[in-house]
Amino acid sequence: MRTAIGGHPAVVPLLPVHRHRSPTVLRWTETVLGVLAEAGFAGTRRVVALRALLAYAVGAIQLEHLGPLSGSGTDAMSGLSPAEFPHLSATATDARQVGPDAEFDGGLDLLLRGLAVSSD
């Protein structure tokens, strides 16, 4: 999904609104629901897991294209006063070393690990 949308990031805000009209989105959703079902998610837990995965994917894609870690916003935050914003300035400095693939894959890994724990 990330790769397909990456070429057309302007469509990201349209996904939630038109998710029921796009055959591609419907097939992606069906596939994810099948994986969740096989992992033991059912009922409302499967609903919440699906929405969490969709929210992560959509949000991560928007951040990658509208506020990339390699962008001027990260530079501005890394230059903030460490006395006033110690965590933000240090994290923004570290963020310069994180590429888009590492950012997306790392966040997805954290989410999937959380889902795995919640299914126990």
PDB file of N, CA and C in Angstrom:
ATOM      1  N   MET A   1       0.836  -1.187   0.000  1.00  0.00           N
ATOM      2  CA  MET A   1       0.000   0.000   0.000  1.00  0.00           C
ATOM      3  C   MET A   1       0.880   1.249   0.000  1.00  0.00           C
ATOM      4  N   ARG A   2       1.912   1.234   0.825  1.00  0.00           N
ATOM      5  CA  ARG A   2       2.792   2.394   0.907  1.00  0.00           C
ATOM      6  C   ARG A   2       3.440   2.686  -0.443  1.00  0.00           C
ATOM      7  N   THR A   3       3.893   1.675  -1.117  1.00  0.00           N
ATOM      8  CA  THR A   3       4.543   1.856  -2.408  1.00  0.00           C
ATOM      9  C   THR A   3       3.566   2.386  -3.450  1.00  0.00           C
ATOM     10  N   ALA A   4       2.380   1.814  -3.485  1.00  0.00           N
ATOM     11  CA  ALA A   4       1.379   2.239  -4.465  1.00  0.00           C
ATOM     12  C   ALA A   4       0.971   3.688  -4.251  1.00  0.00           C
ATOM     13  N   ILE A   5       0.783   4.064  -3.015  1.00  0.00           N
ATOM     14  CA  ILE A   5       0.332   5.418  -2.710  1.00  0.00           C
ATOM     15  C   ILE A   5       1.485   6.409  -2.785  1.00  0.00           C
ATOM     16  N   GLY A   6       2.703   5.929  -2.558  1.00  0.00           N
ATOM     17  CA  GLY A   6       3.861   6.810  -2.571  1.00  0.00           C
ATOM     18  C   GLY A   6       4.000   7.625  -3.841  1.00  0.00           C
ATOM     19  N   GLY A   7       3.582   7.066  -4.952  1.00  0.00           N
ATOM     20  CA  GLY A   7       3.638   7.798  -6.215  1.00  0.00           C
ATOM     21  C   GLY A   7       2.561   8.850  -6.349  1.00  0.00           C
ATOM     22  N   HIS A   8       1.542   8.767  -5.500  1.00  0.00           N
ATOM     23  CA  HIS A   8       0.416   9.703  -5.566  1.00  0.00           C
ATOM     24  C   HIS A   8      -0.027  10.076  -4.140  1.00  0.00           C
ATOM     25  N   PRO A   9       0.854  10.700  -3.351  1.00  0.00           N
ATOM     26  CA  PRO A   9       0.536  10.960  -1.935  1.00  0.00           C
ATOM     27  C   PRO A   9      -0.675  11.865  -1.716  1.00  0.00           C
ATOM     28  N   ALA A  10      -1.075  12.606  -2.720  1.00  0.00           N
ATOM     29  CA  ALA A  10      -2.239  13.488  -2.560  1.00  0.00           C
ATOM     30  C   ALA A  10      -3.533  12.699  -2.371  1.00  0.00           C
ATOM     31  N   VAL A  11      -3.534  11.410  -2.713  1.00  0.00           N
ATOM     32  CA  VAL A  11      -4.750  10.614  -2.549  1.00  0.00           C
ATOM     33  C   VAL A  11      -4.947  10.128  -1.114  1.00  0.00           C
ATOM     34  N   VAL A  12      -3.921  10.238  -0.288  1.00  0.00           N
ATOM     35  CA  VAL A  12      -4.007   9.698   1.073  1.00  0.00           C
ATOM     36  C   VAL A  12      -5.222  10.218   1.838  1.00  0.00           C
ATOM     37  N   PRO A  13      -5.515  11.517   1.843  1.00  0.00           N
ATOM     38  CA  PRO A  13      -6.698  11.985   2.579  1.00  0.00           C
ATOM     39  C   PRO A  13      -8.016  11.424   2.036  1.00  0.00           C
ATOM     40  N   LEU A  14      -8.002  10.953   0.790  1.00  0.00           N
ATOM     41  CA  LEU A  14      -9.219  10.409   0.194  1.00  0.00           C
ATOM     42  C   LEU A  14      -9.489   8.967   0.628  1.00  0.00           C
ATOM     43  N   LEU A  15      -8.469   8.273   1.109  1.00  0.00           N
ATOM     44  CA  LEU A  15      -8.631   6.860   1.468  1.00  0.00           C
ATOM     45  C   LEU A  15      -9.735   6.614   2.495  1.00  0.00           C
ATOM     46  N   PRO A  16      -9.737   7.321   3.627  1.00  0.00           N
ATOM     47  CA  PRO A  16     -10.793   7.037   4.605  1.00  0.00           C
ATOM     48  C   PRO A  16     -12.198   7.343   4.087  1.00  0.00           C
ATOM     49  N   VAL A  17     -12.307   8.375   3.281  1.00  0.00           N
ATOM     50  CA  VAL A  17     -13.614   8.804   2.776  1.00  0.00           C
ATOM     51  C   VAL A  17     -14.172   7.831   1.738  1.00  0.00           C
ATOM     52  N   HIS A  18     -13.280   7.279   0.910  1.00  0.00           N
ATOM     53  CA  HIS A  18     -13.728   6.439  -0.211  1.00  0.00           C
ATOM     54  C   HIS A  18     -13.285   4.986  -0.078  1.00  0.00           C
ATOM     55  N   ARG A  19     -12.963   4.555   1.129  1.00  0.00           N
ATOM     56  CA  ARG A  19     -12.433   3.201   1.322  1.00  0.00           C
ATOM     57  C   ARG A  19     -13.413   2.119   0.876  1.00  0.00           C
ATOM     58  N   HIS A  20     -14.685   2.402   0.897  1.00  0.00           N
ATOM     59  CA  HIS A  20     -15.707   1.426   0.509  1.00  0.00           C
ATOM     60  C   HIS A  20     -15.981   1.405  -0.991  1.00  0.00           C
ATOM     61  N   ARG A  21     -15.351   2.322  -1.741  1.00  0.00           N
ATOM     62  CA  ARG A  21     -15.588   2.409  -3.183  1.00  0.00           C
ATOM     63  C   ARG A  21     -14.408   1.921  -4.024  1.00  0.00           C
ATOM     64  N   SER A  22     -13.264   1.733  -3.409  1.00  0.00           N
ATOM     65  CA  SER A  22     -12.063   1.367  -4.158  1.00  0.00           C
ATOM     66  C   SER A  22     -11.829  -0.142  -4.094  1.00  0.00           C
ATOM     67  N   PRO A  23     -11.893  -0.814  -5.228  1.00  0.00           N
ATOM     68  CA  PRO A  23     -11.644  -2.266  -5.223  1.00  0.00           C
ATOM     69  C   PRO A  23     -10.261  -2.615  -4.658  1.00  0.00           C
ATOM     70  N   THR A  24      -9.273  -1.785  -4.922  1.00  0.00           N
ATOM     71  CA  THR A  24      -7.925  -2.049  -4.410  1.00  0.00           C
ATOM     72  C   THR A  24      -7.897  -1.955  -2.891  1.00  0.00           C
ATOM     73  N   VAL A  25      -8.515  -0.927  -2.347  1.00  0.00           N
ATOM     74  CA  VAL A  25      -8.557  -0.770  -0.884  1.00  0.00           C
ATOM     75  C   VAL A  25      -9.375  -1.903  -0.265  1.00  0.00           C
ATOM     76  N   LEU A  26     -10.468  -2.271  -0.904  1.00  0.00           N
ATOM     77  CA  LEU A  26     -11.287  -3.376  -0.385  1.00  0.00           C
ATOM     78  C   LEU A  26     -10.496  -4.682  -0.369  1.00  0.00           C
ATOM     79  N   ARG A  27      -9.708  -4.948  -1.400  1.00  0.00           N
ATOM     80  CA  ARG A  27      -8.891  -6.179  -1.431  1.00  0.00           C
ATOM     81  C   ARG A  27      -7.800  -6.134  -0.374  1.00  0.00           C
ATOM     82  N   TRP A  28      -7.146  -4.965  -0.203  1.00  0.00           N
ATOM     83  CA  TRP A  28      -6.129  -4.819   0.838  1.00  0.00           C
ATOM     84  C   TRP A  28      -6.748  -5.082   2.203  1.00  0.00           C
ATOM     85  N   THR A  29      -7.919  -4.492   2.441  1.00  0.00           N
ATOM     86  CA  THR A  29      -8.598  -4.654   3.724  1.00  0.00           C
ATOM     87  C   THR A  29      -8.980  -6.109   3.965  1.00  0.00           C
ATOM     88  N   GLU A  30      -9.486  -6.773   2.956  1.00  0.00           N
ATOM     89  CA  GLU A  30      -9.848  -8.185   3.086  1.00  0.00           C
ATOM     90  C   GLU A  30      -8.619  -9.033   3.424  1.00  0.00           C
ATOM     91  N   THR A  31      -7.507  -8.746   2.780  1.00  0.00           N
ATOM     92  CA  THR A  31      -6.272  -9.487   3.055  1.00  0.00           C
ATOM     93  C   THR A  31      -5.817  -9.276   4.492  1.00  0.00           C
ATOM     94  N   VAL A  32      -5.818  -8.042   4.937  1.00  0.00           N
ATOM     95  CA  VAL A  32      -5.395  -7.739   6.316  1.00  0.00           C
ATOM     96  C   VAL A  32      -6.345  -8.408   7.314  1.00  0.00           C
ATOM     97  N   LEU A  33      -7.638  -8.349   7.046  1.00  0.00           N
ATOM     98  CA  LEU A  33      -8.598  -9.005   7.946  1.00  0.00           C
ATOM     99  C   LEU A  33      -8.375 -10.514   7.993  1.00  0.00           C
ATOM    100  N   GLY A  34      -8.016 -11.126   6.871  1.00  0.00           N
ATOM    101  CA  GLY A  34      -7.715 -12.553   6.860  1.00  0.00           C
ATOM    102  C   GLY A  34      -6.506 -12.878   7.719  1.00  0.00           C
ATOM    103  N   VAL A  35      -5.476 -12.057   7.626  1.00  0.00           N
ATOM    104  CA  VAL A  35      -4.276 -12.255   8.455  1.00  0.00           C
ATOM    105  C   VAL A  35      -4.636 -12.095   9.930  1.00  0.00           C
ATOM    106  N   LEU A  36      -5.411 -11.082  10.238  1.00  0.00           N
ATOM    107  CA  LEU A  36      -5.823 -10.863  11.630  1.00  0.00           C
ATOM    108  C   LEU A  36      -6.667 -12.029  12.143  1.00  0.00           C
ATOM    109  N   ALA A  37      -7.572 -12.531  11.319  1.00  0.00           N
ATOM    110  CA  ALA A  37      -8.399 -13.674  11.723  1.00  0.00           C
ATOM    111  C   ALA A  37      -7.531 -14.897  12.001  1.00  0.00           C
ATOM    112  N   GLU A  38      -6.559 -15.152  11.132  1.00  0.00           N
ATOM    113  CA  GLU A  38      -5.652 -16.287  11.342  1.00  0.00           C
ATOM    114  C   GLU A  38      -4.824 -16.120  12.615  1.00  0.00           C
ATOM    115  N   ALA A  39      -4.581 -14.872  13.005  1.00  0.00           N
ATOM    116  CA  ALA A  39      -3.814 -14.599  14.224  1.00  0.00           C
ATOM    117  C   ALA A  39      -4.687 -14.642  15.478  1.00  0.00           C
ATOM    118  N   GLY A  40      -5.978 -14.921  15.304  1.00  0.00           N
ATOM    119  CA  GLY A  40      -6.852 -15.055  16.459  1.00  0.00           C
ATOM    120  C   GLY A  40      -7.680 -13.830  16.805  1.00  0.00           C
ATOM    121  N   PHE A  41      -7.632 -12.820  15.967  1.00  0.00           N
ATOM    122  CA  PHE A  41      -8.438 -11.632  16.224  1.00  0.00           C
ATOM    123  C   PHE A  41      -9.844 -11.857  15.681  1.00  0.00           C
ATOM    124  N   ALA A  42     -10.830 -11.546  16.505  1.00  0.00           N
ATOM    125  CA  ALA A  42     -12.230 -11.709  16.106  1.00  0.00           C
ATOM    126  C   ALA A  42     -13.041 -10.551  16.678  1.00  0.00           C
ATOM    127  N   GLY A  43     -14.217 -10.368  16.118  1.00  0.00           N
ATOM    128  CA  GLY A  43     -15.159  -9.374  16.649  1.00  0.00           C
ATOM    129  C   GLY A  43     -14.570  -7.978  16.718  1.00  0.00           C
ATOM    130  N   THR A  44     -14.854  -7.307  17.815  1.00  0.00           N
ATOM    131  CA  THR A  44     -14.424  -5.916  17.951  1.00  0.00           C
ATOM    132  C   THR A  44     -12.908  -5.780  18.056  1.00  0.00           C
ATOM    133  N   ARG A  45     -12.226  -6.808  18.547  1.00  0.00           N
ATOM    134  CA  ARG A  45     -10.754  -6.756  18.600  1.00  0.00           C
ATOM    135  C   ARG A  45     -10.175  -6.704  17.185  1.00  0.00           C
ATOM    136  N   ARG A  46     -10.791  -7.427  16.259  1.00  0.00           N
ATOM    137  CA  ARG A  46     -10.328  -7.392  14.871  1.00  0.00           C
ATOM    138  C   ARG A  46     -10.614  -6.018  14.264  1.00  0.00           C
ATOM    139  N   VAL A  47     -11.755  -5.436  14.586  1.00  0.00           N
ATOM    140  CA  VAL A  47     -12.089  -4.089  14.103  1.00  0.00           C
ATOM    141  C   VAL A  47     -11.018  -3.091  14.549  1.00  0.00           C
ATOM    142  N   VAL A  48     -10.700  -3.116  15.833  1.00  0.00           N
ATOM    143  CA  VAL A  48      -9.733  -2.169  16.389  1.00  0.00           C
ATOM    144  C   VAL A  48      -8.341  -2.416  15.807  1.00  0.00           C
ATOM    145  N   ALA A  49      -7.949  -3.672  15.649  1.00  0.00           N
ATOM    146  CA  ALA A  49      -6.640  -3.987  15.070  1.00  0.00           C
ATOM    147  C   ALA A  49      -6.558  -3.487  13.625  1.00  0.00           C
ATOM    148  N   LEU A  50      -7.605  -3.718  12.840  1.00  0.00           N
ATOM    149  CA  LEU A  50      -7.624  -3.239  11.463  1.00  0.00           C
ATOM    150  C   LEU A  50      -7.495  -1.724  11.418  1.00  0.00           C
ATOM    151  N   ARG A  51      -8.267  -1.045  12.232  1.00  0.00           N
ATOM    152  CA  ARG A  51      -8.238   0.422  12.231  1.00  0.00           C
ATOM    153  C   ARG A  51      -6.880   0.943  12.685  1.00  0.00           C
ATOM    154  N   ALA A  52      -6.253   0.248  13.626  1.00  0.00           N
ATOM    155  CA  ALA A  52      -4.918   0.660  14.075  1.00  0.00           C
ATOM    156  C   ALA A  52      -3.910   0.534  12.935  1.00  0.00           C
ATOM    157  N   LEU A  53      -3.967  -0.577  12.203  1.00  0.00           N
ATOM    158  CA  LEU A  53      -3.054  -0.773  11.075  1.00  0.00           C
ATOM    159  C   LEU A  53      -3.317   0.244   9.967  1.00  0.00           C
ATOM    160  N   LEU A  54      -4.575   0.486   9.674  1.00  0.00           N
ATOM    161  CA  LEU A  54      -4.924   1.468   8.643  1.00  0.00           C
ATOM    162  C   LEU A  54      -4.501   2.872   9.070  1.00  0.00           C
ATOM    163  N   ALA A  55      -4.758   3.220  10.319  1.00  0.00           N
ATOM    164  CA  ALA A  55      -4.372   4.544  10.819  1.00  0.00           C
ATOM    165  C   ALA A  55      -2.859   4.722  10.771  1.00  0.00           C
ATOM    166  N   TYR A  56      -2.127   3.670  11.136  1.00  0.00           N
ATOM    167  CA  TYR A  56      -0.676   3.755  11.076  1.00  0.00           C
ATOM    168  C   TYR A  56      -0.219   3.970   9.630  1.00  0.00           C
ATOM    169  N   ALA A  57      -0.706   3.146   8.717  1.00  0.00           N
ATOM    170  CA  ALA A  57      -0.265   3.231   7.323  1.00  0.00           C
ATOM    171  C   ALA A  57      -0.583   4.605   6.733  1.00  0.00           C
ATOM    172  N   VAL A  58      -1.801   5.073   6.904  1.00  0.00           N
ATOM    173  CA  VAL A  58      -2.201   6.362   6.344  1.00  0.00           C
ATOM    174  C   VAL A  58      -1.402   7.497   6.988  1.00  0.00           C
ATOM    175  N   GLY A  59      -1.296   7.464   8.303  1.00  0.00           N
ATOM    176  CA  GLY A  59      -0.543   8.512   9.002  1.00  0.00           C
ATOM    177  C   GLY A  59       0.929   8.516   8.646  1.00  0.00           C
ATOM    178  N   ALA A  60       1.523   7.335   8.578  1.00  0.00           N
ATOM    179  CA  ALA A  60       2.944   7.248   8.242  1.00  0.00           C
ATOM    180  C   ALA A  60       3.213   7.743   6.828  1.00  0.00           C
ATOM    181  N   ILE A  61       2.323   7.412   5.901  1.00  0.00           N
ATOM    182  CA  ILE A  61       2.493   7.864   4.517  1.00  0.00           C
ATOM    183  C   ILE A  61       2.369   9.386   4.440  1.00  0.00           C
ATOM    184  N   GLN A  62       1.412   9.945   5.169  1.00  0.00           N
ATOM    185  CA  GLN A  62       1.267  11.400   5.178  1.00  0.00           C
ATOM    186  C   GLN A  62       2.506  12.066   5.765  1.00  0.00           C
ATOM    187  N   LEU A  63       3.002  11.543   6.879  1.00  0.00           N
ATOM    188  CA  LEU A  63       4.199  12.125   7.481  1.00  0.00           C
ATOM    189  C   LEU A  63       5.397  12.032   6.547  1.00  0.00           C
ATOM    190  N   GLU A  64       5.532  10.904   5.884  1.00  0.00           N
ATOM    191  CA  GLU A  64       6.663  10.710   4.979  1.00  0.00           C
ATOM    192  C   GLU A  64       6.664  11.745   3.859  1.00  0.00           C
ATOM    193  N   HIS A  65       5.484  12.106   3.361  1.00  0.00           N
ATOM    194  CA  HIS A  65       5.401  13.017   2.222  1.00  0.00           C
ATOM    195  C   HIS A  65       5.179  14.476   2.614  1.00  0.00           C
ATOM    196  N   LEU A  66       4.516  14.726   3.718  1.00  0.00           N
ATOM    197  CA  LEU A  66       4.214  16.104   4.104  1.00  0.00           C
ATOM    198  C   LEU A  66       5.154  16.655   5.169  1.00  0.00           C
ATOM    199  N   GLY A  67       5.775  15.780   5.956  1.00  0.00           N
ATOM    200  CA  GLY A  67       6.689  16.223   7.006  1.00  0.00           C
ATOM    201  C   GLY A  67       7.830  15.246   7.175  1.00  0.00           C
ATOM    202  N   PRO A  68       8.620  15.036   6.124  1.00  0.00           N
ATOM    203  CA  PRO A  68       9.672  14.027   6.198  1.00  0.00           C
ATOM    204  C   PRO A  68      10.745  14.382   7.227  1.00  0.00           C
ATOM    205  N   LEU A  69      11.338  13.357   7.793  1.00  0.00           N
ATOM    206  CA  LEU A  69      12.410  13.575   8.763  1.00  0.00           C
ATOM    207  C   LEU A  69      13.596  14.306   8.139  1.00  0.00           C
ATOM    208  N   SER A  70      13.747  14.205   6.838  1.00  0.00           N
ATOM    209  CA  SER A  70      14.841  14.890   6.152  1.00  0.00           C
ATOM    210  C   SER A  70      14.496  16.339   5.819  1.00  0.00           C
ATOM    211  N   GLY A  71      13.330  16.793   6.240  1.00  0.00           N
ATOM    212  CA  GLY A  71      12.863  18.126   5.864  1.00  0.00           C
ATOM    213  C   GLY A  71      13.269  19.240   6.802  1.00  0.00           C
ATOM    214  N   SER A  72      12.817  20.423   6.450  1.00  0.00           N
ATOM    215  CA  SER A  72      13.178  21.633   7.193  1.00  0.00           C
ATOM    216  C   SER A  72      12.587  21.660   8.599  1.00  0.00           C
ATOM    217  N   GLY A  73      11.450  20.980   8.795  1.00  0.00           N
ATOM    218  CA  GLY A  73      10.862  20.947  10.143  1.00  0.00           C
ATOM    219  C   GLY A  73      11.775  20.252  11.141  1.00  0.00           C
ATOM    220  N   THR A  74      12.391  19.162  10.712  1.00  0.00           N
ATOM    221  CA  THR A  74      13.323  18.445  11.582  1.00  0.00           C
ATOM    222  C   THR A  74      14.532  19.317  11.867  1.00  0.00           C
ATOM    223  N   ASP A  75      15.035  20.009  10.858  1.00  0.00           N
ATOM    224  CA  ASP A  75      16.163  20.919  11.065  1.00  0.00           C
ATOM    225  C   ASP A  75      15.805  21.994  12.091  1.00  0.00           C
ATOM    226  N   ALA A  76      14.612  22.565  11.951  1.00  0.00           N
ATOM    227  CA  ALA A  76      14.186  23.620  12.874  1.00  0.00           C
ATOM    228  C   ALA A  76      14.075  23.096  14.306  1.00  0.00           C
ATOM    229  N   MET A  77      13.512  21.907  14.463  1.00  0.00           N
ATOM    230  CA  MET A  77      13.360  21.355  15.814  1.00  0.00           C
ATOM    231  C   MET A  77      14.700  20.957  16.419  1.00  0.00           C
ATOM    232  N   SER A  78      15.635  20.502  15.596  1.00  0.00           N
ATOM    233  CA  SER A  78      16.944  20.137  16.137  1.00  0.00           C
ATOM    234  C   SER A  78      17.712  21.371  16.598  1.00  0.00           C
ATOM    235  N   GLY A  79      17.343  22.538  16.075  1.00  0.00           N
ATOM    236  CA  GLY A  79      17.996  23.772  16.480  1.00  0.00           C
ATOM    237  C   GLY A  79      17.339  24.472  17.658  1.00  0.00           C
ATOM    238  N   LEU A  80      16.298  23.864  18.217  1.00  0.00           N
ATOM    239  CA  LEU A  80      15.636  24.461  19.386  1.00  0.00           C
ATOM    240  C   LEU A  80      16.568  24.444  20.596  1.00  0.00           C
ATOM    241  N   SER A  81      16.293  25.302  21.524  1.00  0.00           N
ATOM    242  CA  SER A  81      17.099  25.378  22.741  1.00  0.00           C
ATOM    243  C   SER A  81      16.998  24.080  23.539  1.00  0.00           C
ATOM    244  N   PRO A  82      18.144  23.415  23.780  1.00  0.00           N
ATOM    245  CA  PRO A  82      18.115  22.196  24.590  1.00  0.00           C
ATOM    246  C   PRO A  82      17.667  22.449  26.025  1.00  0.00           C
ATOM    247  N   ALA A  83      17.811  23.678  26.490  1.00  0.00           N
ATOM    248  CA  ALA A  83      17.354  23.996  27.847  1.00  0.00           C
ATOM    249  C   ALA A  83      15.830  24.000  27.920  1.00  0.00           C
ATOM    250  N   GLU A  84      15.192  24.481  26.857  1.00  0.00           N
ATOM    251  CA  GLU A  84      13.732  24.560  26.836  1.00  0.00           C
ATOM    252  C   GLU A  84      13.075  23.298  26.284  1.00  0.00           C
ATOM    253  N   PHE A  85      13.717  22.673  25.307  1.00  0.00           N
ATOM    254  CA  PHE A  85      13.167  21.487  24.645  1.00  0.00           C
ATOM    255  C   PHE A  85      14.223  20.381  24.569  1.00  0.00           C
ATOM    256  N   PRO A  86      14.645  19.851  25.715  1.00  0.00           N
ATOM    257  CA  PRO A  86      15.748  18.878  25.690  1.00  0.00           C
ATOM    258  C   PRO A  86      15.430  17.610  24.907  1.00  0.00           C
ATOM    259  N   HIS A  87      14.248  17.079  25.075  1.00  0.00           N
ATOM    260  CA  HIS A  87      13.893  15.830  24.393  1.00  0.00           C
ATOM    261  C   HIS A  87      13.650  16.053  22.908  1.00  0.00           C
ATOM    262  N   LEU A  88      12.942  17.125  22.583  1.00  0.00           N
ATOM    263  CA  LEU A  88      12.601  17.410  21.187  1.00  0.00           C
ATOM    264  C   LEU A  88      13.845  17.731  20.363  1.00  0.00           C
ATOM    265  N   SER A  89      14.715  18.568  20.888  1.00  0.00           N
ATOM    266  CA  SER A  89      15.911  18.928  20.109  1.00  0.00           C
ATOM    267  C   SER A  89      16.825  17.721  19.919  1.00  0.00           C
ATOM    268  N   ALA A  90      16.986  16.897  20.944  1.00  0.00           N
ATOM    269  CA  ALA A  90      17.838  15.701  20.825  1.00  0.00           C
ATOM    270  C   ALA A  90      17.221  14.682  19.873  1.00  0.00           C
ATOM    271  N   THR A  91      15.919  14.484  19.973  1.00  0.00           N
ATOM    272  CA  THR A  91      15.244  13.513  19.106  1.00  0.00           C
ATOM    273  C   THR A  91      15.273  13.975  17.651  1.00  0.00           C
ATOM    274  N   ALA A  92      15.076  15.251  17.415  1.00  0.00           N
ATOM    275  CA  ALA A  92      15.138  15.773  16.049  1.00  0.00           C
ATOM    276  C   ALA A  92      16.542  15.619  15.471  1.00  0.00           C
ATOM    277  N   THR A  93      17.550  15.797  16.296  1.00  0.00           N
ATOM    278  CA  THR A  93      18.924  15.589  15.835  1.00  0.00           C
ATOM    279  C   THR A  93      19.124  14.129  15.438  1.00  0.00           C
ATOM    280  N   ASP A  94      18.633  13.202  16.248  1.00  0.00           N
ATOM    281  CA  ASP A  94      18.720  11.772  15.923  1.00  0.00           C
ATOM    282  C   ASP A  94      17.893  11.430  14.690  1.00  0.00           C
ATOM    283  N   ALA A  95      16.782  12.121  14.496  1.00  0.00           N
ATOM    284  CA  ALA A  95      15.871  11.817  13.392  1.00  0.00           C
ATOM    285  C   ALA A  95      16.522  12.006  12.036  1.00  0.00           C
ATOM    286  N   ARG A  96      17.521  12.847  11.963  1.00  0.00           N
ATOM    287  CA  ARG A  96      18.207  13.069  10.684  1.00  0.00           C
ATOM    288  C   ARG A  96      18.858  11.791  10.160  1.00  0.00           C
ATOM    289  N   GLN A  97      19.100  10.835  11.050  1.00  0.00           N
ATOM    290  CA  GLN A  97      19.778   9.592  10.669  1.00  0.00           C
ATOM    291  C   GLN A  97      18.805   8.473  10.298  1.00  0.00           C
ATOM    292  N   VAL A  98      17.496   8.748  10.361  1.00  0.00           N
ATOM    293  CA  VAL A  98      16.480   7.728  10.094  1.00  0.00           C
ATOM    294  C   VAL A  98      15.899   7.948   8.695  1.00  0.00           C
ATOM    295  N   GLY A  99      16.085   6.969   7.834  1.00  0.00           N
ATOM    296  CA  GLY A  99      15.534   7.057   6.486  1.00  0.00           C
ATOM    297  C   GLY A  99      14.065   6.680   6.465  1.00  0.00           C
ATOM    298  N   PRO A 100      13.374   6.963   5.369  1.00  0.00           N
ATOM    299  CA  PRO A 100      11.940   6.689   5.279  1.00  0.00           C
ATOM    300  C   PRO A 100      11.582   5.213   5.469  1.00  0.00           C
ATOM    301  N   ASP A 101      12.375   4.304   4.914  1.00  0.00           N
ATOM    302  CA  ASP A 101      12.079   2.876   5.065  1.00  0.00           C
ATOM    303  C   ASP A 101      12.250   2.433   6.517  1.00  0.00           C
ATOM    304  N   ALA A 102      13.324   2.887   7.157  1.00  0.00           N
ATOM    305  CA  ALA A 102      13.557   2.530   8.562  1.00  0.00           C
ATOM    306  C   ALA A 102      12.461   3.105   9.463  1.00  0.00           C
ATOM    307  N   GLU A 103      12.020   4.308   9.145  1.00  0.00           N
ATOM    308  CA  GLU A 103      10.947   4.936   9.925  1.00  0.00           C
ATOM    309  C   GLU A 103       9.650   4.132   9.795  1.00  0.00           C
ATOM    310  N   PHE A 104       9.256   3.827   8.559  1.00  0.00           N
ATOM    311  CA  PHE A 104       8.003   3.110   8.338  1.00  0.00           C
ATOM    312  C   PHE A 104       8.072   1.700   8.912  1.00  0.00           C
ATOM    313  N   ASP A 105       9.120   0.969   8.550  1.00  0.00           N
ATOM    314  CA  ASP A 105       9.250  -0.421   9.005  1.00  0.00           C
ATOM    315  C   ASP A 105       9.383  -0.510  10.523  1.00  0.00           C
ATOM    316  N   GLY A 106      10.118   0.414  11.116  1.00  0.00           N
ATOM    317  CA  GLY A 106      10.275   0.412  12.574  1.00  0.00           C
ATOM    318  C   GLY A 106       8.964   0.673  13.294  1.00  0.00           C
ATOM    319  N   GLY A 107       8.198   1.624  12.796  1.00  0.00           N
ATOM    320  CA  GLY A 107       6.899   1.912  13.404  1.00  0.00           C
ATOM    321  C   GLY A 107       5.930   0.764  13.241  1.00  0.00           C
ATOM    322  N   LEU A 108       5.926   0.169  12.050  1.00  0.00           N
ATOM    323  CA  LEU A 108       5.048  -0.980  11.811  1.00  0.00           C
ATOM    324  C   LEU A 108       5.435  -2.152  12.708  1.00  0.00           C
ATOM    325  N   ASP A 109       6.729  -2.370  12.879  1.00  0.00           N
ATOM    326  CA  ASP A 109       7.198  -3.437  13.767  1.00  0.00           C
ATOM    327  C   ASP A 109       6.703  -3.217  15.203  1.00  0.00           C
ATOM    328  N   LEU A 110       6.788  -1.985  15.679  1.00  0.00           N
ATOM    329  CA  LEU A 110       6.291  -1.681  17.029  1.00  0.00           C
ATOM    330  C   LEU A 110       4.796  -1.970  17.145  1.00  0.00           C
ATOM    331  N   LEU A 111       4.034  -1.565  16.152  1.00  0.00           N
ATOM    332  CA  LEU A 111       2.593  -1.798  16.167  1.00  0.00           C
ATOM    333  C   LEU A 111       2.277  -3.289  16.124  1.00  0.00           C
ATOM    334  N   LEU A 112       2.943  -4.025  15.243  1.00  0.00           N
ATOM    335  CA  LEU A 112       2.691  -5.465  15.142  1.00  0.00           C
ATOM    336  C   LEU A 112       3.074  -6.202  16.425  1.00  0.00           C
ATOM    337  N   ARG A 113       4.167  -5.788  17.049  1.00  0.00           N
ATOM    338  CA  ARG A 113       4.554  -6.405  18.329  1.00  0.00           C
ATOM    339  C   ARG A 113       3.482  -6.151  19.390  1.00  0.00           C
ATOM    340  N   GLY A 114       2.942  -4.941  19.383  1.00  0.00           N
ATOM    341  CA  GLY A 114       1.857  -4.624  20.329  1.00  0.00           C
ATOM    342  C   GLY A 114       0.615  -5.439  20.066  1.00  0.00           C
ATOM    343  N   LEU A 115       0.297  -5.639  18.796  1.00  0.00           N
ATOM    344  CA  LEU A 115      -0.858  -6.474  18.452  1.00  0.00           C
ATOM    345  C   LEU A 115      -0.612  -7.921  18.877  1.00  0.00           C
ATOM    346  N   ALA A 116       0.619  -8.400  18.696  1.00  0.00           N
ATOM    347  CA  ALA A 116       0.930  -9.777  19.083  1.00  0.00           C
ATOM    348  C   ALA A 116       0.755  -9.965  20.585  1.00  0.00           C
ATOM    349  N   VAL A 117       1.179  -8.993  21.360  1.00  0.00           N
ATOM    350  CA  VAL A 117       1.026  -9.069  22.820  1.00  0.00           C
ATOM    351  C   VAL A 117      -0.443  -9.023  23.199  1.00  0.00           C
ATOM    352  N   SER A 118      -1.215  -8.175  22.499  1.00  0.00           N
ATOM    353  CA  SER A 118      -2.635  -8.055  22.857  1.00  0.00           C
ATOM    354  C   SER A 118      -3.453  -9.275  22.461  1.00  0.00           C
ATOM    355  N   SER A 119      -2.920 -10.113  21.567  1.00  0.00           N
ATOM    356  CA  SER A 119      -3.670 -11.287  21.167  1.00  0.00           C
ATOM    357  C   SER A 119      -3.408 -12.484  22.089  1.00  0.00           C
ATOM    358  N   ASP A 120      -2.436 -12.349  22.984  1.00  0.00           N
ATOM    359  CA  ASP A 120      -2.135 -13.453  23.927  1.00  0.00           C
ATOM    360  C   ASP A 120      -3.215 -13.604  24.986  1.00  0.00           C
TER     361      ASP A 120
END
